[in-house]
C-alpha atoms as a PDB file:
ATOM      1  CA  MET A   1     -13.456 -19.317  18.097  1.00  0.00           C
ATOM      2  CA  ALA A   2     -12.798 -16.059  16.241  1.00  0.00           C
ATOM      3  CA  HIS A   3     -12.645 -12.844  18.250  1.00  0.00           C
ATOM      4  CA  ALA A   4     -15.305 -10.972  16.355  1.00  0.00           C
ATOM      5  CA  TYR A   5     -18.513 -12.416  14.701  1.00  0.00           C
ATOM      6  CA  LEU A   6     -21.508 -10.418  12.438  1.00  0.00           C
ATOM      7  CA  PHE A   7     -24.392 -12.304  12.866  1.00  0.00           C
ATOM      8  CA  VAL A   8     -26.827 -11.096   9.882  1.00  0.00           C
ATOM      9  CA  GLY A   9     -30.507 -11.680   8.410  1.00  0.00           C
ATOM     10  CA  PRO A  10     -33.761 -10.724   8.586  1.00  0.00           C
ATOM     11  CA  GLU A  11     -35.367 -10.333  11.874  1.00  0.00           C
ATOM     12  CA  GLY A  12     -37.019 -13.374  13.673  1.00  0.00           C
ATOM     13  CA  THR A  13     -34.137 -15.634  11.841  1.00  0.00           C
ATOM     14  CA  GLY A  14     -32.440 -16.638  15.077  1.00  0.00           C
ATOM     15  CA  LYS A  15     -29.457 -14.519  15.788  1.00  0.00           C
ATOM     16  CA  HIS A  16     -30.326 -13.594  19.106  1.00  0.00           C
ATOM     17  CA  GLU A  17     -30.912 -17.086  20.017  1.00  0.00           C
ATOM     18  CA  ALA A  18     -27.715 -18.270  18.277  1.00  0.00           C
ATOM     19  CA  ALA A  19     -25.781 -15.590  20.660  1.00  0.00           C
ATOM     20  CA  ILE A  20     -27.414 -16.813  23.644  1.00  0.00           C
ATOM     21  CA  GLU A  21     -26.444 -20.344  23.113  1.00  0.00           C
ATOM     22  CA  ILE A  22     -22.840 -18.884  22.603  1.00  0.00           C
ATOM     23  CA  LEU A  23     -23.165 -16.871  25.920  1.00  0.00           C
ATOM     24  CA  SER A  24     -24.559 -20.127  27.932  1.00  0.00           C
ATOM     25  CA  SER A  25     -21.774 -22.099  26.694  1.00  0.00           C
ATOM     26  CA  ILE A  26     -19.068 -19.631  27.827  1.00  0.00           C
ATOM     27  CA  PHE A  27     -20.798 -19.145  31.228  1.00  0.00           C
ATOM     28  CA  HIS A  28     -21.739 -22.807  31.591  1.00  0.00           C
ATOM     29  CA  LYS A  29     -25.352 -22.251  32.433  1.00  0.00           C
ATOM     30  CA  GLU A  30     -28.662 -20.764  30.898  1.00  0.00           C
ATOM     31  CA  ILE A  31     -28.338 -17.255  29.827  1.00  0.00           C
ATOM     32  CA  LYS A  32     -31.691 -15.301  29.172  1.00  0.00           C
ATOM     33  CA  TRP A  33     -31.699 -12.202  26.461  1.00  0.00           C
ATOM     34  CA  ASP A  34     -33.124  -9.756  28.884  1.00  0.00           C
ATOM     35  CA  LYS A  35     -30.628 -10.637  31.581  1.00  0.00           C
ATOM     36  CA  ILE A  36     -27.049 -10.817  29.620  1.00  0.00           C
ATOM     37  CA  THR A  37     -25.799  -7.698  31.539  1.00  0.00           C
ATOM     38  CA  GLU A  38     -26.307  -9.403  34.935  1.00  0.00           C
ATOM     39  CA  ALA A  39     -23.892 -11.881  33.361  1.00  0.00           C
ATOM     40  CA  GLY A  40     -21.219  -9.342  33.097  1.00  0.00           C
ATOM     41  CA  VAL A  41     -21.501  -8.873  29.291  1.00  0.00           C
ATOM     42  CA  LEU A  42     -21.527  -5.319  27.790  1.00  0.00           C
ATOM     43  CA  LEU A  43     -24.777  -4.737  25.282  1.00  0.00           C
ATOM     44  CA  VAL A  44     -24.406  -2.067  23.039  1.00  0.00           C
ATOM     45  CA  LYS A  45     -27.720  -0.578  21.689  1.00  0.00           C
ATOM     46  CA  ARG A  46     -29.353   2.805  20.618  1.00  0.00           C
ATOM     47  CA  GLU A  47     -30.271   4.390  23.669  1.00  0.00           C
ATOM     48  CA  VAL A  48     -33.041   6.191  24.874  1.00  0.00           C
ATOM     49  CA  ASP A  49     -32.391   9.771  25.957  1.00  0.00           C
ATOM     50  CA  ALA A  50     -33.190  10.140  29.804  1.00  0.00           C
ATOM     51  CA  LYS A  51     -34.888  13.642  29.673  1.00  0.00           C
ATOM     52  CA  THR A  52     -37.008  13.271  26.513  1.00  0.00           C
ATOM     53  CA  GLY A  53     -37.567   9.308  26.413  1.00  0.00           C
ATOM     54  CA  LYS A  54     -36.708   9.046  22.707  1.00  0.00           C
ATOM     55  CA  THR A  55     -35.115   6.355  21.281  1.00  0.00           C
ATOM     56  CA  HIS A  56     -32.152   7.635  19.555  1.00  0.00           C
ATOM     57  CA  LYS A  57     -31.551   7.337  15.406  1.00  0.00           C
ATOM     58  CA  GLU A  58     -27.949   5.838  16.062  1.00  0.00           C
ATOM     59  CA  ILE A  59     -25.662   3.919  17.869  1.00  0.00           C
ATOM     60  CA  SER A  60     -23.129   7.022  19.158  1.00  0.00           C
ATOM     61  CA  ILE A  61     -19.458   6.869  19.364  1.00  0.00           C
ATOM     62  CA  GLU A  62     -19.561   7.400  22.853  1.00  0.00           C
ATOM     63  CA  ALA A  63     -21.146   3.791  23.059  1.00  0.00           C
ATOM     64  CA  ILE A  64     -18.132   2.432  21.414  1.00  0.00           C
ATOM     65  CA  HIS A  65     -15.545   4.281  23.762  1.00  0.00           C
ATOM     66  CA  LYS A  66     -17.246   2.143  26.392  1.00  0.00           C
ATOM     67  CA  VAL A  67     -16.144  -1.010  24.424  1.00  0.00           C
ATOM     68  CA  SER A  68     -12.778   0.251  24.596  1.00  0.00           C
ATOM     69  CA  ASP A  69     -13.211   0.695  28.679  1.00  0.00           C
ATOM     70  CA  TYR A  70     -14.756  -2.266  28.930  1.00  0.00           C
ATOM     71  CA  LEU A  71     -11.935  -4.215  27.129  1.00  0.00           C
ATOM     72  CA  ASN A  72      -9.380  -2.383  29.053  1.00  0.00           C
ATOM     73  CA  HIS A  73     -10.562  -2.730  32.617  1.00  0.00           C
ATOM     74  CA  SER A  74     -13.412  -5.042  32.899  1.00  0.00           C
ATOM     75  CA  SER A  75     -12.363  -8.809  34.606  1.00  0.00           C
ATOM     76  CA  PHE A  76     -12.910 -11.846  32.691  1.00  0.00           C
ATOM     77  CA  ILE A  77     -15.928 -14.181  32.840  1.00  0.00           C
ATOM     78  CA  GLU A  78     -15.184 -17.551  32.457  1.00  0.00           C
ATOM     79  CA  GLY A  79     -12.302 -16.709  30.810  1.00  0.00           C
ATOM     80  CA  LYS A  80     -14.029 -14.066  28.290  1.00  0.00           C
ATOM     81  CA  GLN A  81     -14.867 -10.213  27.744  1.00  0.00           C
ATOM     82  CA  VAL A  82     -17.979 -10.580  25.956  1.00  0.00           C
ATOM     83  CA  VAL A  83     -19.371  -7.818  24.060  1.00  0.00           C
ATOM     84  CA  ILE A  84     -22.541  -7.762  21.866  1.00  0.00           C
ATOM     85  CA  ILE A  85     -23.515  -4.678  19.604  1.00  0.00           C
ATOM     86  CA  ASN A  86     -27.368  -5.139  18.865  1.00  0.00           C
ATOM     87  CA  GLU A  87     -28.615  -3.367  15.433  1.00  0.00           C
ATOM     88  CA  ALA A  88     -25.122  -2.931  14.566  1.00  0.00           C
ATOM     89  CA  GLU A  89     -26.457  -1.275  11.082  1.00  0.00           C
ATOM     90  CA  PHE A  90     -27.613   1.734  13.255  1.00  0.00           C
ATOM     91  CA  LEU A  91     -23.584   2.557  14.561  1.00  0.00           C
ATOM     92  CA  SER A  92     -22.889   6.268  13.330  1.00  0.00           C
ATOM     93  CA  LYS A  93     -20.336   7.240  11.096  1.00  0.00           C
ATOM     94  CA  SER A  94     -17.729   7.591  13.536  1.00  0.00           C
ATOM     95  CA  ALA A  95     -19.012   4.881  15.946  1.00  0.00           C
ATOM     96  CA  ALA A  96     -18.475   2.335  13.153  1.00  0.00           C
ATOM     97  CA  ASN A  97     -14.748   3.968  12.481  1.00  0.00           C
ATOM     98  CA  ALA A  98     -14.099   3.685  16.109  1.00  0.00           C
ATOM     99  CA  LEU A  99     -15.305   0.101  16.404  1.00  0.00           C
ATOM    100  CA  LEU A 100     -13.125  -0.764  13.431  1.00  0.00           C
ATOM    101  CA  LYS A 101      -9.934   0.531  15.564  1.00  0.00           C
ATOM    102  CA  THR A 102     -11.228  -2.176  18.409  1.00  0.00           C
ATOM    103  CA  LEU A 103     -11.646  -4.825  15.866  1.00  0.00           C
ATOM    104  CA  GLU A 104      -8.459  -4.236  14.386  1.00  0.00           C
ATOM    105  CA  GLU A 105      -6.273  -4.216  17.425  1.00  0.00           C
ATOM    106  CA  PRO A 106      -8.219  -6.090  20.093  1.00  0.00           C
ATOM    107  CA  LYS A 107      -7.152  -5.515  23.315  1.00  0.00           C
ATOM    108  CA  SER A 108      -7.142  -9.178  24.545  1.00  0.00           C
ATOM    109  CA  ARG A 109      -7.369 -12.691  22.853  1.00  0.00           C
ATOM    110  CA  GLN A 110      -9.944 -13.177  25.171  1.00  0.00           C
ATOM    111  CA  ALA A 111     -12.071 -10.447  23.957  1.00  0.00           C
ATOM    112  CA  LEU A 112     -15.193 -11.797  22.189  1.00  0.00           C
ATOM    113  CA  LEU A 113     -17.294  -9.435  20.000  1.00  0.00           C
ATOM    114  CA  ILE A 114     -20.759 -10.084  18.405  1.00  0.00           C
ATOM    115  CA  LEU A 115     -22.064  -7.912  16.296  1.00  0.00           C
ATOM    116  CA  ILE A 116     -26.266  -8.707  15.594  1.00  0.00           C
ATOM    117  CA  ALA A 117     -27.533  -6.728  12.205  1.00  0.00           C
ATOM    118  CA  ALA A 118     -30.556  -7.322  10.145  1.00  0.00           C
ATOM    119  CA  ASP A 119     -28.947  -5.175   7.003  1.00  0.00           C
ATOM    120  CA  GLU A 120     -25.770  -6.361   6.113  1.00  0.00           C
ATOM    121  CA  ASN A 121     -25.321  -3.643   3.237  1.00  0.00           C
ATOM    122  CA  LYS A 122     -25.557  -0.968   6.152  1.00  0.00           C
ATOM    123  CA  ILE A 123     -22.521  -2.593   7.774  1.00  0.00           C
ATOM    124  CA  LEU A 124     -18.866  -1.063   6.484  1.00  0.00           C
ATOM    125  CA  ALA A 125     -16.996  -3.351   4.596  1.00  0.00           C
ATOM    126  CA  THR A 126     -13.921  -3.042   6.520  1.00  0.00           C
ATOM    127  CA  ILE A 127     -16.011  -4.142   9.793  1.00  0.00           C
ATOM    128  CA  LYS A 128     -17.198  -7.195   7.690  1.00  0.00           C
ATOM    129  CA  SER A 129     -13.965  -8.323   6.564  1.00  0.00           C
ATOM    130  CA  ARG A 130     -12.803  -8.143  10.490  1.00  0.00           C
ATOM    131  CA  CYS A 131     -15.796 -10.234  11.390  1.00  0.00           C
ATOM    132  CA  GLN A 132     -16.622 -13.965  10.832  1.00  0.00           C
ATOM    133  CA  ILE A 133     -19.875 -13.499   9.298  1.00  0.00           C
ATOM    134  CA  ILE A 134     -23.034 -15.890  10.060  1.00  0.00           C
ATOM    135  CA  ARG A 135     -25.713 -15.386   7.793  1.00  0.00           C
ATOM    136  CA  PHE A 136     -29.265 -16.557   8.904  1.00  0.00           C
ATOM    137  CA  PHE A 137     -32.069 -17.355   6.535  1.00  0.00           C
ATOM    138  CA  SER A 138     -35.787 -18.004   6.603  1.00  0.00           C
ATOM    139  CA  VAL A 139     -37.024 -21.350   7.545  1.00  0.00           C
ATOM    140  CA  ALA A 140     -39.363 -23.489   6.052  1.00  0.00           C
ATOM    141  CA  THR A 141     -43.458 -23.309   7.391  1.00  0.00           C
ATOM    142  CA  LYS A 142     -43.226 -26.883   8.202  1.00  0.00           C
ATOM    143  CA  LYS A 143     -40.326 -26.982  10.234  1.00  0.00           C
ATOM    144  CA  ILE A 144     -41.475 -24.260  12.267  1.00  0.00           C
ATOM    145  CA  TYR A 145     -44.751 -25.916  12.736  1.00  0.00           C
ATOM    146  CA  ASN A 146     -43.062 -29.344  13.856  1.00  0.00           C
ATOM    147  CA  ASP A 147     -41.023 -27.309  16.244  1.00  0.00           C
ATOM    148  CA  LEU A 148     -43.825 -25.570  17.923  1.00  0.00           C
ATOM    149  CA  ILE A 149     -45.490 -28.852  18.423  1.00  0.00           C
ATOM    150  CA  SER A 150     -42.493 -30.453  19.804  1.00  0.00           C
ATOM    151  CA  LYS A 151     -42.678 -27.448  22.399  1.00  0.00           C
ATOM    152  CA  GLY A 152     -46.070 -28.579  23.308  1.00  0.00           C
ATOM    153  CA  ALA A 153     -48.347 -26.040  20.826  1.00  0.00           C
ATOM    154  CA  LYS A 154     -51.818 -27.060  19.658  1.00  0.00           C
ATOM    155  CA  PRO A 155     -51.797 -28.227  16.124  1.00  0.00           C
ATOM    156  CA  GLN A 156     -54.205 -25.169  15.592  1.00  0.00           C
ATOM    157  CA  LEU A 157     -52.367 -22.792  17.300  1.00  0.00           C
ATOM    158  CA  ALA A 158     -48.888 -23.895  15.762  1.00  0.00           C
ATOM    159  CA  GLU A 159     -50.480 -23.607  12.290  1.00  0.00           C
ATOM    160  CA  GLU A 160     -51.296 -20.237  12.574  1.00  0.00           C
ATOM    161  CA  ILE A 161     -48.092 -18.901  14.435  1.00  0.00           C
ATOM    162  CA  SER A 162     -46.357 -20.767  11.965  1.00  0.00           C
ATOM    163  CA  LYS A 163     -47.850 -19.181   9.018  1.00  0.00           C
ATOM    164  CA  LEU A 164     -47.578 -15.752  10.710  1.00  0.00           C
ATOM    165  CA  SER A 165     -43.901 -16.017  11.617  1.00  0.00           C
ATOM    166  CA  SER A 166     -43.015 -15.250   8.095  1.00  0.00           C
ATOM    167  CA  ASN A 167     -40.789 -18.358   7.981  1.00  0.00           C
ATOM    168  CA  GLN A 168     -38.680 -16.439  11.064  1.00  0.00           C
ATOM    169  CA  PRO A 169     -38.014 -19.239  13.870  1.00  0.00           C
ATOM    170  CA  GLU A 170     -37.478 -16.866  16.696  1.00  0.00           C
ATOM    171  CA  ARG A 171     -40.586 -14.757  15.771  1.00  0.00           C
ATOM    172  CA  ALA A 172     -42.444 -17.837  16.036  1.00  0.00           C
ATOM    173  CA  SER A 173     -40.981 -18.759  19.083  1.00  0.00           C
ATOM    174  CA  GLU A 174     -41.725 -15.284  20.668  1.00  0.00           C
ATOM    175  CA  MET A 175     -45.366 -15.242  19.455  1.00  0.00           C
ATOM    176  CA  PHE A 176     -45.984 -18.778  21.227  1.00  0.00           C
ATOM    177  CA  GLU A 177     -43.904 -18.276  24.627  1.00  0.00           C
ATOM    178  CA  ASP A 178     -44.630 -14.672  25.380  1.00  0.00           C
ATOM    179  CA  SER A 179     -48.390 -14.052  24.862  1.00  0.00           C
ATOM    180  CA  ALA A 180     -47.610 -10.238  24.525  1.00  0.00           C
ATOM    181  CA  PHE A 181     -46.535 -10.805  21.099  1.00  0.00           C
ATOM    182  CA  TYR A 182     -49.381 -12.912  20.154  1.00  0.00           C
ATOM    183  CA  ASN A 183     -51.822 -10.478  21.687  1.00  0.00           C
ATOM    184  CA  PHE A 184     -50.158  -7.785  19.841  1.00  0.00           C
ATOM    185  CA  TYR A 185     -50.612  -9.387  16.667  1.00  0.00           C
ATOM    186  CA  LYS A 186     -54.458 -10.044  17.567  1.00  0.00           C
ATOM    187  CA  THR A 187     -55.132  -6.604  18.312  1.00  0.00           C
ATOM    188  CA  GLU A 188     -53.628  -5.053  15.499  1.00  0.00           C
ATOM    189  CA  ALA A 189     -55.366  -7.657  13.161  1.00  0.00           C
ATOM    190  CA  GLU A 190     -58.871  -6.251  14.724  1.00  0.00           C
ATOM    191  CA  ARG A 191     -57.678  -2.819  14.057  1.00  0.00           C
ATOM    192  CA  PHE A 192     -56.887  -3.346  10.545  1.00  0.00           C
ATOM    193  CA  LEU A 193     -60.434  -4.843   9.782  1.00  0.00           C
ATOM    194  CA  GLY A 194     -61.955  -2.135  11.601  1.00  0.00           C
ATOM    195  CA  THR A 195     -60.419   0.743   9.344  1.00  0.00           C
ATOM    196  CA  LEU A 196     -61.784  -1.481   6.162  1.00  0.00           C
ATOM    197  CA  ASN A 197     -65.447   0.274   7.561  1.00  0.00           C
ATOM    198  CA  GLY A 198     -66.959   3.243   8.348  1.00  0.00           C
ATOM    199  CA  SER A 199     -66.266   7.004   7.711  1.00  0.00           C
ATOM    200  CA  LEU A 200     -62.820   8.579   7.744  1.00  0.00           C
ATOM    201  CA  LYS A 201     -63.248   9.883  10.926  1.00  0.00           C
ATOM    202  CA  GLU A 202     -64.616   6.581  12.557  1.00  0.00           C
ATOM    203  CA  ARG A 203     -61.261   4.967  10.627  1.00  0.00           C
ATOM    204  CA  TRP A 204     -58.798   7.254  12.423  1.00  0.00           C
ATOM    205  CA  GLN A 205     -60.100   6.731  15.690  1.00  0.00           C
ATOM    206  CA  LYS A 206     -59.773   3.256  15.360  1.00  0.00           C
ATOM    207  CA  VAL A 207     -55.945   3.948  14.353  1.00  0.00           C
ATOM    208  CA  GLU A 208     -55.424   6.772  16.748  1.00  0.00           C
ATOM    209  CA  PRO A 209     -54.437   4.230  19.689  1.00  0.00           C
ATOM    210  CA  VAL A 210     -51.365   3.485  17.508  1.00  0.00           C
ATOM    211  CA  PHE A 211     -49.796   6.463  19.028  1.00  0.00           C
ATOM    212  CA  LYS A 212     -49.544   5.674  22.177  1.00  0.00           C
ATOM    213  CA  ASP A 213     -46.229   7.556  23.077  1.00  0.00           C
ATOM    214  CA  LYS A 214     -46.959  11.254  21.233  1.00  0.00           C
ATOM    215  CA  GLU A 215     -43.186  12.222  22.438  1.00  0.00           C
ATOM    216  CA  ASP A 216     -41.072   9.100  21.205  1.00  0.00           C
ATOM    217  CA  HIS A 217     -41.323   9.569  17.426  1.00  0.00           C
ATOM    218  CA  ILE A 218     -38.549   6.754  16.881  1.00  0.00           C
ATOM    219  CA  GLY A 219     -40.553   4.480  19.133  1.00  0.00           C
ATOM    220  CA  ALA A 220     -43.802   5.119  17.688  1.00  0.00           C
ATOM    221  CA  ARG A 221     -42.037   4.984  14.068  1.00  0.00           C
ATOM    222  CA  ASP A 222     -41.135   1.284  15.214  1.00  0.00           C
ATOM    223  CA  ASN A 223     -44.014   0.432  16.198  1.00  0.00           C
ATOM    224  CA  LEU A 224     -45.730   1.746  13.539  1.00  0.00           C
ATOM    225  CA  ILE A 225     -43.740  -0.428  11.181  1.00  0.00           C
ATOM    226  CA  SER A 226     -44.919  -3.863  13.115  1.00  0.00           C
ATOM    227  CA  VAL A 227     -48.541  -2.920  12.687  1.00  0.00           C
ATOM    228  CA  LEU A 228     -47.641  -1.968   8.795  1.00  0.00           C
ATOM    229  CA  GLU A 229     -46.479  -5.255   8.529  1.00  0.00           C
ATOM    230  CA  ILE A 230     -49.498  -6.873   9.853  1.00  0.00           C
ATOM    231  CA  TRP A 231     -51.837  -4.909   7.450  1.00  0.00           C
ATOM    232  CA  LEU A 232     -49.516  -5.985   4.800  1.00  0.00           C
ATOM    233  CA  GLY A 233     -50.248  -9.642   5.468  1.00  0.00           C
ATOM    234  CA  PHE A 234     -53.787  -9.157   5.184  1.00  0.00           C
ATOM    235  CA  TRP A 235     -53.599  -7.267   1.924  1.00  0.00           C
ATOM    236  CA  ARG A 236     -51.141  -9.894   0.532  1.00  0.00           C
ATOM    237  CA  ASP A 237     -53.839 -12.304   1.568  1.00  0.00           C
ATOM    238  CA  SER A 238     -56.470 -10.493  -0.205  1.00  0.00           C
ATOM    239  CA  LEU A 239     -54.362 -10.477  -3.221  1.00  0.00           C
ATOM    240  CA  LEU A 240     -53.853 -13.993  -3.260  1.00  0.00           C
ATOM    241  CA  LEU A 241     -57.622 -14.857  -2.993  1.00  0.00           C
ATOM    242  CA  LYS A 242     -58.451 -12.517  -5.652  1.00  0.00           C
ATOM    243  CA  VAL A 243     -56.070 -13.766  -8.143  1.00  0.00           C
ATOM    244  CA  GLY A 244     -57.737 -17.370  -7.147  1.00  0.00           C
ATOM    245  CA  GLY A 245     -54.787 -18.703  -4.868  1.00  0.00           C
ATOM    246  CA  ALA A 246     -55.004 -21.573  -2.718  1.00  0.00           C
ATOM    247  CA  GLU A 247     -56.863 -20.962   1.124  1.00  0.00           C
ATOM    248  CA  SER A 248     -53.937 -23.050   2.372  1.00  0.00           C
ATOM    249  CA  LEU A 249     -51.239 -20.567   1.424  1.00  0.00           C
ATOM    250  CA  ILE A 250     -52.983 -17.830   3.443  1.00  0.00           C
ATOM    251  CA  LYS A 251     -51.248 -16.352   6.392  1.00  0.00           C
ATOM    252  CA  ASN A 252     -53.953 -14.918   8.542  1.00  0.00           C
ATOM    253  CA  ILE A 253     -55.971 -18.121   8.905  1.00  0.00           C
ATOM    254  CA  SER A 254     -58.175 -17.295  11.799  1.00  0.00           C
ATOM    255  CA  TYR A 255     -59.344 -14.343   9.760  1.00  0.00           C
ATOM    256  CA  LEU A 256     -60.120 -16.036   6.455  1.00  0.00           C
ATOM    257  CA  GLU A 257     -63.730 -15.376   6.220  1.00  0.00           C
ATOM    258  CA  GLN A 258     -63.280 -11.558   7.189  1.00  0.00           C
ATOM    259  CA  ILE A 259     -60.597 -11.217   4.115  1.00  0.00           C
ATOM    260  CA  LYS A 260     -63.113 -12.648   1.808  1.00  0.00           C
ATOM    261  CA  THR A 261     -66.014 -10.470   3.147  1.00  0.00           C
ATOM    262  CA  ARG A 262     -63.873  -7.274   3.356  1.00  0.00           C
ATOM    263  CA  SER A 263     -62.003  -7.920  -0.032  1.00  0.00           C
ATOM    264  CA  VAL A 264     -64.638  -8.001  -1.864  1.00  0.00           C
ATOM    265  CA  LYS A 265     -65.116  -4.427  -2.518  1.00  0.00           C
ATOM    266  CA  TYR A 266     -61.489  -4.013  -3.875  1.00  0.00           C
ATOM    267  CA  SER A 267     -60.678  -4.023  -7.172  1.00  0.00           C
ATOM    268  CA  LEU A 268     -57.363  -6.339  -7.813  1.00  0.00           C
ATOM    269  CA  GLU A 269     -55.729  -2.873  -9.120  1.00  0.00           C
ATOM    270  CA  LYS A 270     -56.826  -1.387  -6.155  1.00  0.00           C
ATOM    271  CA  ILE A 271     -55.153  -4.148  -4.142  1.00  0.00           C
ATOM    272  CA  ARG A 272     -51.878  -3.860  -5.694  1.00  0.00           C
ATOM    273  CA  GLU A 273     -52.165  -0.231  -5.288  1.00  0.00           C
ATOM    274  CA  ILE A 274     -52.605  -0.353  -1.306  1.00  0.00           C
ATOM    275  CA  ILE A 275     -50.100  -2.988  -1.149  1.00  0.00           C
ATOM    276  CA  LEU A 276     -47.550  -0.954  -2.892  1.00  0.00           C
ATOM    277  CA  ALA A 277     -48.730   1.893  -0.433  1.00  0.00           C
ATOM    278  CA  ILE A 278     -47.877   0.221   2.638  1.00  0.00           C
ATOM    279  CA  GLU A 279     -44.560  -0.944   0.879  1.00  0.00           C
ATOM    280  CA  GLN A 280     -43.375   2.575   0.284  1.00  0.00           C
ATOM    281  CA  SER A 281     -44.532   3.958   3.700  1.00  0.00           C
ATOM    282  CA  ILE A 282     -42.546   1.396   5.500  1.00  0.00           C
ATOM    283  CA  ILE A 283     -39.564   2.516   4.081  1.00  0.00           C
ATOM    284  CA  MET A 284     -40.440   6.398   4.105  1.00  0.00           C
ATOM    285  CA  LEU A 285     -40.712   5.356   7.985  1.00  0.00           C
ATOM    286  CA  ARG A 286     -37.120   3.951   8.026  1.00  0.00           C
ATOM    287  CA  GLN A 287     -36.189   7.299   6.543  1.00  0.00           C
ATOM    288  CA  ASN A 288     -37.427   8.722   9.495  1.00  0.00           C
ATOM    289  CA  ILE A 289     -40.746  10.582   8.025  1.00  0.00           C
ATOM    290  CA  HIS A 290     -43.040  11.150  10.613  1.00  0.00           C
ATOM    291  CA  PRO A 291     -45.221   8.446  11.043  1.00  0.00           C
ATOM    292  CA  ARG A 292     -48.563  10.045  11.822  1.00  0.00           C
ATOM    293  CA  LEU A 293     -48.056  11.829   8.562  1.00  0.00           C
ATOM    294  CA  ILE A 294     -47.590   8.717   7.120  1.00  0.00           C
ATOM    295  CA  LEU A 295     -50.548   6.739   8.317  1.00  0.00           C
ATOM    296  CA  GLU A 296     -52.813   9.323   7.503  1.00  0.00           C
ATOM    297  CA  ASN A 297     -51.768   9.184   3.779  1.00  0.00           C
ATOM    298  CA  LEU A 298     -52.205   5.643   3.694  1.00  0.00           C
ATOM    299  CA  ILE A 299     -55.718   5.311   5.267  1.00  0.00           C
ATOM    300  CA  LEU A 300     -56.458   7.846   2.876  1.00  0.00           C
ATOM    301  CA  SER A 301     -55.285   5.803   0.064  1.00  0.00           C
ATOM    302  CA  TYR A 302     -57.871   3.161   0.358  1.00  0.00           C
ATOM    303  CA  TYR A 303     -60.720   5.015   1.901  1.00  0.00           C
END
């Protein structure tokens, strides 16, 4: 086993599940993601500010210093010292350089570092060269459907979730096993359909609850990206229907009739324009543009 791995690929493609499988194998027992620190693993991630409650934009160099301290002083667990760095693409420049020194000169042959990232391009080449890279790719919808059936999902639910998963098995598992993820989709799907009717004021009132936490702009941004990805799926379904695509390719199958009814008033050109606007909005959100301003402009774009 290598001393450092980089698990990289789109969200929901199984990176975290693979890390858990490795931990379970090391510790000879079932480990769950939300319990890994209880198993003695050091989890490094973007922190939440204790005073403001805001999520930090980057993983700080102080967090990487904790990695060195852990490797220097922590006792071995089943013969290993394990560090997981989640969202490694958010390492600050100084944190990335500090991590590089740790990767170059591991304190112990028993140290295991697992970096998890969605965007390989944001990881320093020198860090990548010192890790064994394992890339995760999208999975066929039919395979995800069969996996859900094997887990006990009813065919109708398995079909819906497998299509909504965007070929991401981890996302499909989350939606099936944790009702909060599925309920989030249902809530935001209904909210999206609601934004297609009424006055501008009425539409804004329907999206206002998206900003639950008015102080944590990073948290609001991440939440809004998830919301816009759902909206984007609906508009892509509308585009597919508009150009005569097969209904079997629709992702939001529970809302097929609503999509048909509401998309009639939009031209093909307008739907394409809206899809582009949402895609650009997601890019701007990742560049830390204020979420509320982005959503206001987006609502105006298809009013």
